[in-house]
Amino acid sequence: MFFSYYWHLNFVQNMDKLSIYVANIAQYIETDGGTSLAKLWEGIKHLMPDQPICARVNNKTESLDFVLYQPKMVEFQTISQGSGPRVYTRSLCMLLYRAAQSVVPELHLRFEHSISHGYYCRFSEIDRIDEGTVDKIKREMERLVALNLPFKRHEIRTVDAASMFEIQGLPDKAELLRTIHEIYTTFYTLDGIADSYYGSLAPSTGFLKVFNLIPYEQGMLLLPFDMDNPSKPATPIIQQKMYNAFKEYLRISDIIGVTDVGQLNSCVIAGSEARLIQVAETLHDKSIARISDDIAERYRNGGARIVLVAGPSSSGKTTTTKRLAVHLITNLLKPQMISLDNYFVNRENTPLDSDGEYDYESLYALDLKQFNTDLNAILRGEEVELPYYNFELGCRQYRGDKIKLEEGSVLLIEGIHGLNPELTAEIPEMAKYRIYVSCLTTLSIDEHNWVPTTDNRLLRRIVRDYKYRGVNAEETIRRWPSVRRGEEKWIFPYQENADAVFNSSLIFELSVMKDEGEHVLRSVPSDVPEYAEAYRLRKFLSYFLPIESKFVPSTSLLREFLGGSSFKY
C-alpha cells in the first residue's frame, strides 16, 4: 500500500500518463500527456460543475488552452475567483475592440482608466461619441458572444509582432515591443484582428455573456459583471470628481508626450528622464499649492479650521499632508497636526471582522465621541490634552500632550476616514475642508491596456513594507484583499465628499520602482498561493525600463516608499 502511494506521488506509473493534482477537489487525476486544461476539466466537471475561465498551474495563471506535458498542480478558477475577473475583463476589452472595428473602423479605441465600477474608453479622433453608435457597438458585441468565437493565442518573433501591429494601426504597441527587446511576443486574434494583453484571455467569446456598454462623459463605460452578483452587469456610480482628476492628468500627459509605457521607455532611452521627473514633481507641487490657496481663502472667510486628509492604502496621504503643511505656512497659516490613530478604542473594544480578527480599518475602531468632543473644544479656543494610543498595550493613555489653536492655526488630520461624515458628525460643516488623496494612474501600457491604480498602490506598499516595516512581499500580497475590502467599505463610498482631489500618481514612478519591486517580488516562493500575484506583477514591471532613483528629489511623494525623504515619518 505504501509503495503504491509513493509510486503515485512520484508520477512514474507510465511514461505516457501524467498525474495532475487538482486543488479544487484535492485529488490526483490521471491524464494523457498533451492534454489541455479545458479537456482536463471536461473529464472532471461532474466533480466541479462551475465553468472555469482560467486556471492556476503551479501558482501561475494560464488560459484553458494550456497544454500539460509534465505533472502539475492545477487550480481551476471561475470568473469571480482569483485571476478570473482579470481574465474576464481583458477578454471583454478585446471583444469591444473587435466590435468597434466593425462599427467604426476609421476610429482608434483607447482604454484610459477604471472608474465608476467600469472601464472608461474613448475614440482618439472625436470629442464625443453619440449614444446611437455606442448602442451599435454593444449589439455587435452581443452578436460576437452568441457566435462563441475563439480567442486564439499566438507567439511570434517580437520584431514581426511589432510590424504586424504597425500595419494594423496600433503604433503604441509596436513602440512598446521595440523598447523591451524580448525575442518572442504572445498575442491573440479574434475574428481576424490581433491584439496583445499582459495576461491570459478566455477560451472564447461565449464566456462573456454578462456586460454592459453605456455612454459616459466623452466616451463609453465598459461594465463587467457585478462581483457581488456575477449574473448581472456592474451598476455605475457617480464619480465626477475622480473623472475630472483623471481628465486633468491625461491632458497633461498628452502635452508632455508620455501617455503610455512605450513613450516612457523611449524617454528613458533618449536620456530625458530627469526632465520628465522635474515636470511631474512640479505638477504635484502646483496641485498642492492650489489646495493650500483654497484652504487659506476659506479660512479668511471664517471656515476651513480643520483639514481632513483621506485616501486608500499607499496613496501617499502622509507626504501629501506634510507638503501641504509647508504650503500653508507660505499662506501665513500655522498648521498643527492630530493623529487619528491616537483615538483608537482600547483593544478589547475593537470591532471584529468577518474572520474574527481585530478590524482596525473600521470607523468604529475609533472613539468617535471623544474625538468630536476634543475637536469642538479646540475650535472653541480651549487647551485640550490629546490622547496617545499605546499599540504595545492596546490602550489609550494621556502623557501631557496639549494643543491650543492660536490665531491663524489650522488643524491637519490624516486618516482613511476623513471623508466619512460620521467621523466629524458634531463639527460644523463650515469648519471642515476635506482632501481625497489617491494614486489615479493615467499612464497606459498601450492603448488597450491601462495601468490599474490598485497595482500601482500595491507595488508602493510592497516596497515600503519590505524596506521599513519588516513585512515581506508574500505577507503584503496575502493581506491585500482584506485591505481592499476595507477600502470598498470605508473609503471609496465617500470620495465625492471631497472639497479637493489630489492625484498622487507620478508618471515615472513604476520605472523608478522597477528594480526594487522585482527584487522583492522574486523573494515570494513558488509553492505559495501569493506567487501567482507576485509573478503577475513581475510580468507587469517587465514592460518598464528602469530609471535610477537618484533623479527623484528628497521632497517627492515617492520617497515615502523608496526612502531618502527630507520629511520625517
Protein backbone atom coordinates (compact mmCIF):
# COMPACT_ATOMS: atom_id res chain seq x y z
CA MET A 1 0.00 0.00 0.00
CA PHE A 2 2.76 2.44 0.98
CA PHE A 3 4.82 1.56 -2.09
CA SER A 4 1.78 2.08 -4.35
CA TYR A 5 1.13 5.54 -2.82
CA TYR A 6 4.79 6.51 -3.11
CA TRP A 7 4.81 5.36 -6.73
CA HIS A 8 1.74 7.52 -7.39
CA LEU A 9 3.18 10.62 -5.77
CA ASN A 10 6.32 10.42 -7.87
CA PHE A 11 4.31 10.15 -11.09
CA VAL A 12 6.17 7.22 -12.62
CA GLN A 13 3.33 4.80 -13.35
CA ASN A 14 3.52 5.22 -17.09
CA MET A 15 5.71 7.28 -19.39
CA ASP A 16 2.64 8.29 -21.44
CA LYS A 17 0.45 9.25 -18.48
CA LEU A 18 0.52 12.27 -16.16
CA SER A 19 -0.79 12.62 -12.63
CA ILE A 20 -2.24 16.11 -12.21
CA TYR A 21 -3.15 17.33 -8.74
CA VAL A 22 -6.40 19.30 -8.99
CA ALA A 23 -6.56 21.53 -5.93
CA ASN A 24 -10.30 22.25 -6.31
CA ILE A 25 -11.15 18.62 -5.50
CA ALA A 26 -7.91 17.72 -3.65
CA GLN A 27 -7.35 14.73 -5.93
CA TYR A 28 -4.77 13.43 -8.39
CA ILE A 29 -6.24 12.94 -11.85
CA GLU A 30 -4.50 10.71 -14.37
CA THR A 31 -4.49 12.04 -17.92
CA ASP A 32 -2.57 11.72 -21.18
CA GLY A 33 0.43 13.92 -21.87
CA GLY A 34 -0.54 16.74 -24.22
CA THR A 35 -3.97 17.23 -22.62
CA SER A 36 -5.23 20.83 -22.41
CA LEU A 37 -6.64 22.32 -19.23
CA ALA A 38 -10.02 22.58 -20.95
CA LYS A 39 -10.03 18.85 -21.75
CA LEU A 40 -8.89 18.00 -18.24
CA TRP A 41 -11.83 19.92 -16.79
CA GLU A 42 -14.27 18.21 -19.17
CA GLY A 43 -13.28 14.90 -17.65
CA ILE A 44 -13.93 16.00 -14.06
CA LYS A 45 -16.73 18.56 -14.39
CA HIS A 46 -19.08 16.17 -12.64
CA LEU A 47 -16.93 16.81 -9.56
CA MET A 48 -16.79 20.60 -10.00
CA PRO A 49 -19.58 21.75 -12.32
CA ASP A 50 -18.91 25.53 -12.28
CA GLN A 51 -17.37 26.52 -15.61
CA PRO A 52 -13.79 27.82 -15.16
CA ILE A 53 -12.43 30.67 -17.28
CA CYS A 54 -8.76 30.02 -16.47
CA ALA A 55 -6.57 28.05 -14.09
CA ARG A 56 -3.51 28.48 -11.94
CA VAL A 57 -0.86 25.94 -12.89
CA ASN A 58 1.87 25.64 -10.26
CA ASN A 59 0.58 29.00 -8.98
CA LYS A 60 0.84 30.75 -12.36
CA THR A 61 -2.29 31.85 -14.20
CA GLU A 62 -2.77 30.11 -17.55
CA SER A 63 -5.51 30.06 -20.18
CA LEU A 64 -7.58 26.92 -20.61
CA ASP A 65 -5.75 26.07 -23.85
CA PHE A 66 -2.57 25.49 -21.82
CA VAL A 67 -1.25 22.00 -22.60
CA LEU A 68 0.05 19.67 -19.88
CA TYR A 69 3.26 17.79 -20.64
CA GLN A 70 4.53 17.31 -17.08
CA PRO A 71 2.99 16.68 -13.65
CA LYS A 72 1.44 19.91 -12.36
CA MET A 73 -0.75 21.30 -9.61
CA VAL A 74 -3.86 22.83 -11.15
CA GLU A 75 -6.49 25.08 -9.58
CA PHE A 76 -9.39 25.93 -11.89
CA GLN A 77 -10.92 29.39 -11.40
CA THR A 78 -14.33 30.76 -12.36
CA ILE A 79 -14.99 34.33 -13.50
CA SER A 80 -15.32 35.53 -9.89
CA GLN A 81 -12.39 33.64 -8.35
CA GLY A 82 -8.72 34.56 -8.11
CA SER A 83 -7.45 35.58 -11.54
CA GLY A 84 -10.87 35.02 -13.13
CA PRO A 85 -12.10 38.65 -13.00
CA ARG A 86 -8.95 39.93 -14.72
CA VAL A 87 -9.19 37.30 -17.46
CA TYR A 88 -12.84 38.20 -17.98
CA THR A 89 -12.12 41.95 -18.17
CA ARG A 90 -9.20 41.56 -20.59
CA SER A 91 -11.34 39.36 -22.82
CA LEU A 92 -14.17 41.92 -22.73
CA CYS A 93 -11.71 44.60 -23.86
CA MET A 94 -10.69 42.59 -26.92
CA LEU A 95 -14.34 41.87 -27.63
CA LEU A 96 -15.10 45.59 -27.51
CA TYR A 97 -12.11 46.36 -29.74
CA ARG A 98 -13.31 43.83 -32.33
CA ALA A 99 -16.86 45.20 -32.24
CA ALA A 100 -15.65 48.81 -32.55
CA GLN A 101 -13.54 47.83 -35.57
CA SER A 102 -16.69 46.54 -37.25
CA VAL A 103 -18.88 49.56 -36.43
CA VAL A 104 -16.39 52.46 -36.67
CA PRO A 105 -13.24 51.07 -38.37
CA GLU A 106 -11.91 54.57 -39.04
CA LEU A 107 -11.61 55.36 -35.28
CA HIS A 108 -8.96 54.29 -32.75
CA LEU A 109 -10.24 52.92 -29.45
CA ARG A 110 -8.33 53.82 -26.29
CA PHE A 111 -8.95 52.40 -22.80
CA GLU A 112 -7.93 55.05 -20.28
CA HIS A 113 -8.70 54.01 -16.70
CA SER A 114 -11.10 52.28 -14.35
CA ILE A 115 -13.88 54.37 -12.85
CA SER A 116 -17.48 54.06 -11.66
CA HIS A 117 -17.31 50.21 -11.39
CA GLY A 118 -16.25 50.02 -15.05
CA TYR A 119 -13.59 50.94 -17.58
CA TYR A 120 -13.61 54.26 -19.37
CA CYS A 121 -12.68 54.29 -23.05
CA ARG A 122 -12.95 56.78 -25.87
CA PHE A 123 -12.04 57.30 -29.53
CA SER A 124 -8.95 59.43 -30.17
CA GLU A 125 -10.28 61.22 -33.26
CA ILE A 126 -13.57 62.56 -31.89
CA ASP A 127 -14.51 64.71 -28.88
CA ARG A 128 -17.65 62.74 -28.02
CA ILE A 129 -19.35 59.56 -29.19
CA ASP A 130 -23.10 59.57 -29.73
CA GLU A 131 -25.48 57.22 -27.94
CA GLY A 132 -26.56 55.52 -31.17
CA THR A 133 -23.03 54.46 -32.02
CA VAL A 134 -22.49 53.10 -28.52
CA ASP A 135 -25.65 51.03 -28.90
CA LYS A 136 -24.48 49.65 -32.27
CA ILE A 137 -21.15 48.62 -30.76
CA LYS A 138 -22.90 46.92 -27.85
CA ARG A 139 -25.18 44.98 -30.21
CA GLU A 140 -22.15 43.88 -32.23
CA MET A 141 -20.51 42.65 -29.02
CA GLU A 142 -23.63 40.64 -28.20
CA ARG A 143 -23.59 39.14 -31.72
CA LEU A 144 -19.97 38.05 -31.32
CA VAL A 145 -20.76 36.50 -27.92
CA ALA A 146 -23.60 34.50 -29.47
CA LEU A 147 -21.21 33.18 -32.16
CA ASN A 148 -18.86 31.86 -29.43
CA LEU A 149 -15.76 32.76 -31.45
CA PRO A 150 -12.37 31.60 -30.11
CA PHE A 151 -9.64 33.86 -28.75
CA LYS A 152 -6.64 32.29 -30.47
CA ARG A 153 -3.23 32.55 -28.81
CA HIS A 154 -0.10 33.00 -30.97
CA GLU A 155 3.61 33.51 -30.37
CA ILE A 156 5.95 35.01 -32.97
CA ARG A 157 9.20 36.97 -33.09
CA THR A 158 8.82 40.36 -31.43
CA VAL A 159 10.16 42.17 -34.49
CA ASP A 160 7.41 40.56 -36.59
CA ALA A 161 4.74 41.32 -33.96
CA ALA A 162 5.80 44.98 -33.92
CA SER A 163 5.48 45.19 -37.71
CA MET A 164 2.08 43.48 -37.58
CA PHE A 165 0.73 45.97 -35.02
CA GLU A 166 2.16 48.89 -37.00
CA ILE A 167 0.28 47.72 -40.10
CA GLN A 168 -2.92 47.19 -38.07
CA GLY A 169 -2.79 50.81 -36.87
CA LEU A 170 -1.52 50.19 -33.33
CA PRO A 171 1.81 52.07 -33.29
CA ASP A 172 1.82 52.34 -29.49
CA LYS A 173 2.07 48.54 -29.21
CA ALA A 174 4.83 48.48 -31.80
CA GLU A 175 6.81 51.15 -29.92
CA LEU A 176 6.46 49.28 -26.64
CA LEU A 177 7.65 46.00 -28.14
CA ARG A 178 10.67 47.67 -29.71
CA THR A 179 11.77 49.11 -26.36
CA ILE A 180 11.63 45.94 -24.23
CA HIS A 181 13.80 43.74 -26.51
CA GLU A 182 12.05 40.42 -25.97
CA ILE A 183 12.78 37.77 -28.61
CA TYR A 184 9.22 36.41 -28.84
CA THR A 185 5.85 38.03 -28.19
CA THR A 186 2.48 36.50 -27.35
CA PHE A 187 -0.68 37.94 -28.88
CA TYR A 188 -4.28 36.92 -29.55
CA THR A 189 -6.53 37.01 -32.58
CA LEU A 190 -10.32 37.29 -32.64
CA ASP A 191 -12.30 37.15 -35.86
CA GLY A 192 -9.43 38.45 -37.99
CA ILE A 193 -7.87 41.12 -35.75
CA ALA A 194 -4.84 40.88 -33.46
CA ASP A 195 -4.23 42.39 -30.02
CA SER A 196 -1.91 41.85 -27.06
CA TYR A 197 -2.54 41.75 -23.32
CA TYR A 198 -0.28 41.11 -20.36
CA GLY A 199 -2.25 38.07 -19.28
CA SER A 200 -4.48 35.22 -20.42
CA LEU A 201 -7.83 35.54 -22.18
CA ALA A 202 -10.99 33.44 -22.06
CA PRO A 203 -11.25 30.46 -24.45
CA SER A 204 -13.99 32.12 -26.49
CA THR A 205 -16.48 34.97 -26.66
CA GLY A 206 -19.23 32.71 -25.33
CA PHE A 207 -17.74 33.10 -21.85
CA LEU A 208 -18.57 36.83 -21.86
CA LYS A 209 -22.35 36.83 -21.55
CA VAL A 210 -22.60 39.43 -18.77
CA PHE A 211 -21.58 43.03 -19.52
CA ASN A 212 -22.92 46.45 -20.39
CA LEU A 213 -21.68 49.31 -22.54
CA ILE A 214 -23.07 52.79 -21.94
CA PRO A 215 -22.22 56.36 -22.96
CA TYR A 216 -20.06 58.03 -20.31
CA GLU A 217 -18.79 61.60 -20.43
CA GLN A 218 -16.97 61.94 -23.79
CA GLY A 219 -16.66 58.21 -24.38
CA MET A 220 -18.03 54.89 -23.16
CA LEU A 221 -18.05 52.90 -19.95
CA LEU A 222 -17.48 49.15 -20.27
CA LEU A 223 -19.11 47.42 -17.30
CA PRO A 224 -18.16 43.81 -16.49
CA PHE A 225 -20.18 41.61 -14.15
CA ASP A 226 -21.03 42.67 -10.61
CA MET A 227 -18.62 40.95 -8.20
CA ASP A 228 -21.44 40.50 -5.68
CA ASN A 229 -23.78 39.08 -8.30
CA PRO A 230 -21.92 37.73 -11.38
CA SER A 231 -25.20 37.12 -13.21
CA LYS A 232 -25.71 40.86 -13.83
CA PRO A 233 -23.54 43.76 -15.02
CA ALA A 234 -21.99 46.14 -12.51
CA THR A 235 -24.01 49.26 -11.71
CA PRO A 236 -22.19 52.56 -12.38
CA ILE A 237 -21.88 55.12 -9.60
CA ILE A 238 -21.30 58.88 -9.68
CA GLN A 239 -17.58 59.72 -9.54
CA GLN A 240 -17.45 63.12 -11.20
CA LYS A 241 -14.57 64.43 -9.09
CA MET A 242 -12.50 61.32 -9.83
CA TYR A 243 -13.23 61.67 -13.54
CA ASN A 244 -12.19 65.34 -13.53
CA ALA A 245 -8.91 64.46 -11.77
CA PHE A 246 -8.17 61.75 -14.33
CA LYS A 247 -9.06 64.07 -17.20
CA GLU A 248 -6.72 66.82 -15.97
CA TYR A 249 -3.74 64.48 -15.74
CA LEU A 250 -4.50 62.81 -19.08
CA ARG A 251 -4.44 66.24 -20.71
CA ILE A 252 -1.06 66.97 -19.12
CA SER A 253 0.27 63.57 -20.26
CA ASP A 254 -0.77 64.42 -23.82
CA ILE A 255 1.06 67.76 -23.62
CA ILE A 256 4.34 66.26 -22.37
CA GLY A 257 4.07 63.39 -24.87
CA VAL A 258 4.14 60.46 -22.43
CA THR A 259 0.81 58.66 -22.30
CA ASP A 260 1.96 55.03 -22.45
CA VAL A 261 4.87 52.83 -21.41
CA GLY A 262 6.38 52.74 -24.89
CA GLN A 263 6.72 56.53 -24.86
CA LEU A 264 8.07 56.44 -21.29
CA ASN A 265 10.68 53.85 -22.30
CA SER A 266 11.64 55.94 -25.33
CA CYS A 267 12.12 58.89 -22.97
CA VAL A 268 14.48 56.77 -20.85
CA ILE A 269 16.41 55.61 -23.92
CA ALA A 270 16.80 59.23 -25.02
CA GLY A 271 18.14 60.20 -21.58
CA SER A 272 15.25 62.60 -20.90
CA GLU A 273 14.05 61.05 -17.65
CA ALA A 274 15.39 63.83 -15.40
CA ARG A 275 13.35 66.43 -17.27
CA LEU A 276 10.24 64.24 -17.07
CA ILE A 277 10.65 63.86 -13.31
CA GLN A 278 11.07 67.62 -12.89
CA VAL A 279 7.81 68.27 -14.78
CA ALA A 280 5.88 65.62 -12.80
CA GLU A 281 7.17 66.87 -9.44
CA THR A 282 6.34 70.48 -10.35
CA LEU A 283 2.79 69.40 -11.22
CA HIS A 284 2.46 67.81 -7.76
CA ASP A 285 3.73 70.95 -6.09
CA LYS A 286 1.41 73.13 -8.14
CA SER A 287 -1.61 70.99 -7.22
CA ILE A 288 -0.81 71.12 -3.51
CA ALA A 289 -0.26 74.88 -3.75
CA ARG A 290 -3.74 75.32 -5.29
CA ILE A 291 -5.30 73.32 -2.46
CA SER A 292 -3.37 75.38 0.09
CA ASP A 293 -4.58 78.63 -1.51
CA ASP A 294 -8.17 77.37 -1.39
CA ILE A 295 -7.86 76.47 2.30
CA ALA A 296 -6.34 79.89 3.09
CA GLU A 297 -9.16 81.70 1.30
CA ARG A 298 -11.81 79.72 3.16
CA TYR A 299 -10.00 80.29 6.44
CA ARG A 300 -10.06 84.06 5.90
CA ASN A 301 -13.81 83.77 5.30
CA GLY A 302 -14.36 82.03 8.63
CA GLY A 303 -14.05 78.35 7.56
CA ALA A 304 -11.53 75.55 6.98
CA ARG A 305 -10.24 75.41 10.56
CA ILE A 306 -9.92 71.62 10.26
CA VAL A 307 -8.35 69.95 7.19
CA LEU A 308 -9.09 66.23 6.83
CA VAL A 309 -6.78 64.27 4.51
CA ALA A 310 -8.10 60.85 3.48
CA GLY A 311 -7.31 58.19 0.93
CA PRO A 312 -6.71 54.45 0.46
CA SER A 313 -3.62 52.50 1.44
CA SER A 314 -0.32 53.67 -0.10
CA SER A 315 -1.94 56.67 -1.74
CA GLY A 316 0.68 58.97 -0.20
CA LYS A 317 -1.52 60.68 2.41
CA THR A 318 1.34 61.26 4.85
CA THR A 319 3.69 63.05 2.46
CA THR A 320 0.80 65.00 0.95
CA THR A 321 -0.14 66.25 4.43
CA LYS A 322 3.46 67.22 5.22
CA ARG A 323 3.89 69.07 1.92
CA LEU A 324 0.53 70.77 2.42
CA ALA A 325 1.71 71.99 5.85
CA VAL A 326 4.70 73.70 4.19
CA HIS A 327 2.44 75.44 1.67
CA LEU A 328 0.03 76.55 4.39
CA ILE A 329 2.90 78.28 6.17
CA THR A 330 3.63 80.23 2.97
CA ASN A 331 -0.04 81.29 3.13
CA LEU A 332 0.64 82.72 6.62
CA LEU A 333 -1.22 79.93 8.41
CA LYS A 334 0.05 77.78 11.29
CA PRO A 335 -0.59 74.07 10.67
CA GLN A 336 -0.92 71.76 13.68
CA MET A 337 -1.48 68.02 13.44
CA ILE A 338 -3.63 65.45 15.22
CA SER A 339 -3.21 61.72 14.58
CA LEU A 340 -6.43 59.74 14.25
CA ASP A 341 -4.53 56.64 15.39
CA ASN A 342 -4.39 58.07 18.91
CA TYR A 343 -8.19 57.85 19.13
CA PHE A 344 -8.38 54.06 18.76
CA VAL A 345 -10.64 52.46 21.35
CA ASN A 346 -8.98 50.08 23.79
CA ARG A 347 -8.14 46.80 22.10
CA GLU A 348 -10.82 44.77 23.88
CA ASN A 349 -13.44 47.16 22.47
CA THR A 350 -12.16 47.00 18.87
CA PRO A 351 -14.75 45.58 16.44
CA LEU A 352 -14.00 42.25 14.75
CA ASP A 353 -14.03 41.49 11.04
CA SER A 354 -15.66 38.50 9.34
CA ASP A 355 -12.63 36.35 10.18
CA GLY A 356 -12.82 37.21 13.88
CA GLU A 357 -9.72 39.43 13.71
CA TYR A 358 -9.48 42.96 15.11
CA ASP A 359 -10.77 45.33 12.42
CA TYR A 360 -8.60 48.41 12.72
CA GLU A 361 -9.92 49.62 9.34
CA SER A 362 -13.41 50.07 10.80
CA LEU A 363 -14.64 53.57 11.61
CA TYR A 364 -15.82 52.16 14.93
CA ALA A 365 -12.28 51.23 15.91
CA LEU A 366 -12.10 54.95 16.78
CA ASP A 367 -13.60 56.66 19.82
CA LEU A 368 -15.82 59.00 17.78
CA LYS A 369 -17.44 60.65 20.79
CA GLN A 370 -14.14 61.62 22.43
CA PHE A 371 -12.69 62.73 19.09
CA ASN A 372 -15.60 65.07 18.39
CA THR A 373 -15.62 66.36 21.98
CA ASP A 374 -11.93 67.25 21.74
CA LEU A 375 -12.28 68.88 18.31
CA ASN A 376 -15.16 71.08 19.42
CA ALA A 377 -13.22 72.18 22.50
CA ILE A 378 -10.20 73.00 20.32
CA LEU A 379 -12.38 75.02 17.94
CA ARG A 380 -13.72 77.00 20.93
CA GLY A 381 -10.16 78.02 21.71
CA GLU A 382 -9.72 75.74 24.72
CA GLU A 383 -6.49 73.93 25.54
CA VAL A 384 -7.01 70.17 25.15
CA GLU A 385 -4.85 67.28 26.30
CA LEU A 386 -4.54 64.84 23.42
CA PRO A 387 -4.55 61.08 23.94
CA TYR A 388 -1.74 58.73 22.95
CA TYR A 389 -2.52 55.18 21.82
CA ASN A 390 -0.08 52.61 23.16
CA PHE A 391 -0.11 49.93 20.45
CA GLU A 392 2.01 47.59 22.56
CA LEU A 393 -0.51 47.61 25.44
CA GLY A 394 -3.55 48.17 23.24
CA CYS A 395 -4.93 51.07 25.24
CA ARG A 396 -5.26 54.86 25.19
CA GLN A 397 -3.10 56.88 27.56
CA TYR A 398 -2.51 60.54 28.40
CA ARG A 399 1.04 61.88 28.57
CA GLY A 400 0.53 65.63 28.89
CA ASP A 401 0.48 66.37 25.15
CA LYS A 402 -1.64 69.51 24.82
CA ILE A 403 -2.88 71.58 21.93
CA LYS A 404 -4.46 75.02 21.65
CA LEU A 405 -5.25 76.85 18.46
CA GLU A 406 -3.67 80.24 18.02
CA GLU A 407 -4.76 82.93 15.63
CA GLY A 408 -4.10 81.55 12.14
CA SER A 409 -3.83 77.92 13.27
CA VAL A 410 -5.23 75.11 11.09
CA LEU A 411 -5.65 71.52 12.27
CA LEU A 412 -4.41 68.85 9.84
CA ILE A 413 -5.88 65.40 10.43
CA GLU A 414 -4.73 62.50 8.26
CA GLY A 415 -6.57 59.17 8.20
CA ILE A 416 -8.57 56.85 6.00
CA HIS A 417 -11.94 58.01 7.40
CA GLY A 418 -11.54 61.73 6.79
CA LEU A 419 -14.31 61.92 4.17
CA ASN A 420 -16.82 59.91 6.20
CA PRO A 421 -19.41 62.37 7.61
CA GLU A 422 -19.82 60.23 10.72
CA LEU A 423 -16.20 60.85 11.77
CA THR A 424 -16.85 64.53 12.42
CA ALA A 425 -20.63 64.46 12.82
CA GLU A 426 -20.57 67.01 15.67
CA ILE A 427 -18.29 69.50 13.90
CA PRO A 428 -19.88 72.35 11.89
CA GLU A 429 -19.53 71.80 8.14
CA MET A 430 -18.08 75.26 7.58
CA ALA A 431 -15.13 74.41 9.81
CA LYS A 432 -14.09 71.42 7.68
CA TYR A 433 -12.08 71.09 4.48
CA ARG A 434 -11.77 67.57 3.05
CA ILE A 435 -9.00 66.33 0.73
CA TYR A 436 -9.07 62.98 -1.04
CA VAL A 437 -5.64 61.61 -1.99
CA SER A 438 -5.44 58.75 -4.47
CA CYS A 439 -2.97 57.34 -6.95
CA LEU A 440 -5.09 57.92 -10.08
CA THR A 441 -2.67 56.42 -12.58
CA THR A 442 -3.07 57.89 -16.06
CA LEU A 443 -0.19 56.06 -17.74
CA SER A 444 -1.22 53.17 -20.02
CA ILE A 445 0.81 50.17 -21.11
CA ASP A 446 -0.66 50.78 -24.55
CA GLU A 447 -3.99 51.95 -25.96
CA HIS A 448 -5.80 48.76 -24.91
CA ASN A 449 -4.02 48.06 -21.59
CA TRP A 450 -4.19 50.60 -18.78
CA VAL A 451 -2.10 50.62 -15.60
CA PRO A 452 -4.50 49.76 -12.75
CA THR A 453 -4.36 52.25 -9.89
CA THR A 454 -4.65 49.31 -7.49
CA ASP A 455 -1.50 47.68 -8.90
CA ASN A 456 0.37 50.97 -8.57
CA ARG A 457 -0.61 51.25 -4.88
CA LEU A 458 0.12 47.58 -4.19
CA LEU A 459 3.64 47.93 -5.60
CA ARG A 460 4.21 51.02 -3.45
CA ARG A 461 3.09 49.09 -0.38
CA ILE A 462 5.17 46.00 -1.21
CA VAL A 463 8.34 48.09 -1.48
CA ARG A 464 7.59 50.18 1.64
CA ASP A 465 6.59 47.19 3.79
CA TYR A 466 9.77 45.35 2.85
CA LYS A 467 12.09 48.31 3.43
CA TYR A 468 10.58 49.87 6.55
CA ARG A 469 8.06 47.56 8.22
CA GLY A 470 9.82 44.20 8.16
CA VAL A 471 7.00 42.65 6.10
CA ASN A 472 7.88 40.53 3.08
CA ALA A 473 6.07 40.63 -0.26
CA GLU A 474 4.28 37.34 0.37
CA GLU A 475 2.64 38.72 3.52
CA THR A 476 1.76 42.07 1.91
CA ILE A 477 0.10 40.26 -1.02
CA ARG A 478 -1.73 37.94 1.38
CA ARG A 479 -3.15 40.89 3.34
CA TRP A 480 -4.06 42.98 0.28
CA PRO A 481 -7.57 41.51 -0.34
CA SER A 482 -8.53 42.40 3.24
CA VAL A 483 -7.16 45.93 2.77
CA ARG A 484 -9.16 46.27 -0.45
CA ARG A 485 -12.36 45.11 1.26
CA GLY A 486 -11.84 47.75 3.93
CA GLU A 487 -11.35 50.42 1.27
CA GLU A 488 -14.51 49.41 -0.55
CA LYS A 489 -16.48 49.68 2.68
CA TRP A 490 -14.91 52.63 4.49
CA ILE A 491 -13.22 54.88 1.90
CA PHE A 492 -14.47 54.69 -1.67
CA PRO A 493 -18.17 55.39 -0.91
CA TYR A 494 -17.20 58.84 0.39
CA GLN A 495 -14.86 60.02 -2.42
CA GLU A 496 -17.32 62.56 -3.76
CA ASN A 497 -17.46 64.30 -0.36
CA ALA A 498 -14.04 65.81 -1.01
CA ASP A 499 -13.52 69.54 -1.41
CA ALA A 500 -10.34 68.78 -3.33
CA VAL A 501 -8.85 65.71 -5.02
CA PHE A 502 -5.09 65.29 -5.13
CA ASN A 503 -3.76 62.80 -7.67
CA SER A 504 -0.65 61.35 -6.05
CA SER A 505 0.46 59.30 -9.06
CA LEU A 506 3.74 60.13 -10.76
CA ILE A 507 4.11 59.22 -14.41
CA PHE A 508 7.67 57.94 -13.91
CA GLU A 509 7.28 56.05 -10.64
CA LEU A 510 6.92 52.48 -11.88
CA SER A 511 10.18 52.82 -13.80
CA VAL A 512 11.90 54.02 -10.62
CA MET A 513 10.37 51.21 -8.53
CA LYS A 514 11.01 48.53 -11.18
CA ASP A 515 14.34 47.12 -9.95
CA GLU A 516 13.47 47.19 -6.26
CA GLY A 517 9.97 45.88 -6.90
CA GLU A 518 11.20 42.95 -8.98
CA HIS A 519 13.83 42.13 -6.35
CA VAL A 520 11.27 41.99 -3.54
CA LEU A 521 8.72 40.07 -5.63
CA ARG A 522 11.30 37.41 -6.57
CA SER A 523 11.50 36.51 -2.87
CA VAL A 524 7.96 35.07 -2.96
CA PRO A 525 8.37 31.25 -3.14
CA SER A 526 6.64 29.42 -5.97
CA ASP A 527 4.85 26.95 -3.66
CA VAL A 528 2.53 29.53 -2.05
CA PRO A 529 -0.72 30.95 -3.50
CA GLU A 530 0.68 34.51 -3.37
CA TYR A 531 3.21 33.52 -6.06
CA ALA A 532 0.53 33.96 -8.75
CA GLU A 533 0.16 37.65 -7.88
CA ALA A 534 3.91 38.14 -7.47
CA TYR A 535 4.53 36.58 -10.88
CA ARG A 536 1.83 38.75 -12.50
CA LEU A 537 3.33 41.92 -11.01
CA ARG A 538 6.82 40.93 -12.18
CA LYS A 539 5.46 40.41 -15.68
CA PHE A 540 3.80 43.82 -15.44
CA LEU A 541 7.05 45.52 -14.36
CA SER A 542 8.97 43.82 -17.18
CA TYR A 543 7.44 46.30 -19.64
CA PHE A 544 9.20 49.24 -17.95
CA LEU A 545 12.79 50.32 -18.50
CA PRO A 546 14.40 51.31 -15.17
CA ILE A 547 15.04 54.87 -14.04
CA GLU A 548 17.66 55.48 -11.34
CA SER A 549 16.20 56.83 -8.09
CA LYS A 550 18.96 59.46 -7.88
CA PHE A 551 16.84 61.65 -10.18
CA VAL A 552 13.96 61.72 -7.64
CA PRO A 553 14.09 64.74 -5.26
CA SER A 554 14.05 64.27 -1.48
CA THR A 555 10.68 66.06 -1.20
CA SER A 556 9.00 63.68 -3.68
CA LEU A 557 5.96 61.76 -2.52
CA LEU A 558 7.66 58.64 -3.92
CA ARG A 559 10.33 58.96 -1.21
CA GLU A 560 7.68 57.89 1.32
CA PHE A 561 8.01 54.42 -0.19
CA LEU A 562 11.57 54.34 -1.52
CA GLY A 563 13.29 56.15 1.38
CA GLY A 564 15.58 59.14 1.27
CA SER A 565 12.87 61.68 2.10
CA SER A 566 13.64 65.02 3.71
CA PHE A 567 10.42 64.62 5.71
CA LYS A 568 10.29 62.66 8.97
CA TYR A 569 7.76 59.84 9.23
